[in-house]
Amino acid sequence: QVQLVESGGGLVQAGGSLTLSCTASENILRFSAMGWYRQAPGKQRELVTSITARGTTNYADSVKGRFTISRDSAKNTMYLQMNNLKPEDTAGYYCDAEVPWGPSRGHYWGQGTQVTVSS
């Protein structure tokens, strides 16, 4: 079993910045992909951004130019730098990881961290 622990959420004013972290219990270079999702009340969970094992990134149109995904394999941690935050970015943010092979093969989610952007 892979454990994913998010941190860094909080309350911020519109235009502000936050950095989320997702720390894994295993070497993240074993994961075929990791990503950040968000879910606002009454809405479906949506993909915000993802990064493959080779470092290919993908962003939702709504966050392009404002959010940046990165990772530090030495710390087994993935980050989400969020700049110029808007009230519509308010949501629970969740990281996920796909383990393609081995005893831990499967898809995993973190417990989530809340981001609230005030106008």
Protein backbone atom coordinates (compact mmCIF):
# COMPACT_ATOMS: atom_id res chain seq x y z
CA GLN A 1 0.00 0.00 0.00
CA VAL A 2 1.20 3.48 -0.92
CA GLN A 3 0.42 6.33 1.41
CA LEU A 4 0.01 9.85 0.03
CA VAL A 5 -0.12 12.78 2.42
CA GLU A 6 -1.06 16.27 1.26
CA SER A 7 -0.28 19.46 3.08
CA GLY A 8 -0.13 23.19 2.47
CA GLY A 9 -3.78 24.09 2.07
CA GLY A 10 -5.33 27.08 3.75
CA LEU A 11 -7.16 30.35 3.39
CA VAL A 12 -5.78 32.96 1.03
CA GLN A 13 -7.05 36.13 -0.58
CA ALA A 14 -7.68 36.33 -4.28
CA GLY A 15 -4.44 37.01 -6.11
CA GLY A 16 -2.41 35.21 -3.49
CA SER A 17 -0.33 32.07 -3.69
CA LEU A 18 -0.13 28.68 -2.01
CA THR A 19 2.09 25.66 -2.44
CA LEU A 20 0.66 22.22 -1.86
CA SER A 21 2.81 19.18 -1.13
CA CYS A 22 2.08 15.50 -1.59
CA THR A 23 4.54 13.16 0.09
CA ALA A 24 4.55 9.48 -0.80
CA SER A 25 5.59 6.53 1.30
CA GLU A 26 7.54 5.07 -1.64
CA ASN A 27 9.94 6.22 -4.32
CA ILE A 28 7.84 8.40 -6.61
CA LEU A 29 9.96 7.51 -9.62
CA ARG A 30 8.25 4.11 -9.49
CA PHE A 31 4.93 5.79 -10.26
CA SER A 32 3.85 5.98 -13.88
CA ALA A 33 2.08 9.24 -13.13
CA MET A 34 1.04 11.53 -10.32
CA GLY A 35 -1.52 14.26 -10.34
CA TRP A 36 -3.54 16.85 -8.50
CA TYR A 37 -7.33 16.83 -8.56
CA ARG A 38 -9.81 19.15 -6.92
CA GLN A 39 -13.40 18.89 -5.87
CA ALA A 40 -15.64 21.79 -4.94
CA PRO A 41 -18.89 21.26 -3.02
CA GLY A 42 -21.58 19.90 -5.29
CA LYS A 43 -19.19 19.37 -8.16
CA GLN A 44 -17.36 16.41 -9.61
CA ARG A 45 -13.69 15.84 -8.92
CA GLU A 46 -11.64 17.29 -11.77
CA LEU A 47 -8.06 16.91 -12.90
CA VAL A 48 -5.98 20.01 -12.27
CA THR A 49 -2.59 18.81 -13.45
CA SER A 50 -0.51 15.70 -13.83
CA ILE A 51 3.07 14.62 -14.38
CA THR A 52 4.33 11.38 -15.85
CA ALA A 53 7.38 9.42 -14.84
CA ARG A 54 9.25 11.05 -17.72
CA GLY A 55 8.25 14.49 -16.54
CA THR A 56 5.56 15.26 -19.09
CA THR A 57 3.03 17.65 -17.59
CA ASN A 58 -0.56 18.40 -18.37
CA TYR A 59 -2.76 21.24 -17.09
CA ALA A 60 -6.43 22.03 -17.08
CA ASP A 61 -7.16 25.13 -19.15
CA SER A 62 -8.49 26.91 -16.09
CA VAL A 63 -5.11 26.81 -14.33
CA LYS A 64 -2.66 27.15 -17.20
CA GLY A 65 -0.19 29.93 -16.56
CA ARG A 66 -1.09 30.09 -12.86
CA PHE A 67 -0.34 26.63 -11.45
CA THR A 68 2.88 24.64 -11.73
CA ILE A 69 3.40 20.98 -10.89
CA SER A 70 6.83 19.74 -9.86
CA ARG A 71 8.44 16.96 -7.89
CA ASP A 72 11.49 16.20 -5.81
CA SER A 73 12.31 12.51 -6.03
CA ALA A 74 14.85 12.77 -3.22
CA LYS A 75 11.99 13.79 -0.90
CA ASN A 76 9.37 11.56 -2.56
CA THR A 77 7.27 14.68 -2.83
CA MET A 78 5.18 16.31 -5.53
CA TYR A 79 4.27 19.99 -5.37
CA LEU A 80 1.60 22.26 -6.73
CA GLN A 81 2.57 25.91 -6.85
CA MET A 82 -0.59 27.98 -7.19
CA ASN A 83 -0.31 31.65 -8.09
CA ASN A 84 -2.88 34.33 -8.77
CA LEU A 85 -5.52 32.31 -6.98
CA LYS A 86 -9.17 32.98 -7.72
CA PRO A 87 -12.29 32.29 -5.64
CA GLU A 88 -13.25 29.60 -8.16
CA ASP A 89 -10.09 27.70 -7.18
CA THR A 90 -11.69 27.01 -3.81
CA ALA A 91 -11.91 23.24 -3.39
CA GLY A 92 -10.50 20.21 -1.68
CA TYR A 93 -7.26 19.28 -3.45
CA TYR A 94 -6.22 15.66 -3.73
CA CYS A 95 -3.09 14.04 -5.07
CA ASP A 96 -3.07 10.69 -6.76
CA ALA A 97 -0.50 8.20 -7.94
CA GLU A 98 -0.49 5.26 -10.30
CA VAL A 99 1.82 2.37 -9.50
CA PRO A 100 2.08 0.22 -12.62
CA TRP A 101 3.79 -2.88 -11.24
CA GLY A 102 5.03 -4.65 -8.13
CA PRO A 103 3.45 -5.50 -4.81
CA SER A 104 2.00 -1.98 -4.52
CA ARG A 105 0.44 -1.99 -7.99
CA GLY A 106 -2.69 0.13 -8.08
CA HIS A 107 -4.12 3.63 -7.94
CA TYR A 108 -3.88 5.67 -4.76
CA TRP A 109 -5.36 8.88 -3.37
CA GLY A 110 -4.33 11.18 -0.61
CA GLN A 111 -6.77 12.38 2.04
CA GLY A 112 -6.98 15.89 0.59
CA THR A 113 -6.21 19.40 1.71
CA GLN A 114 -8.62 22.33 1.63
CA VAL A 115 -7.89 25.49 -0.32
CA THR A 116 -10.17 28.47 0.23
CA VAL A 117 -9.75 31.65 -1.76
CA SER A 118 -11.60 34.71 -0.51
CA SER A 119 -12.65 37.52 -2.80
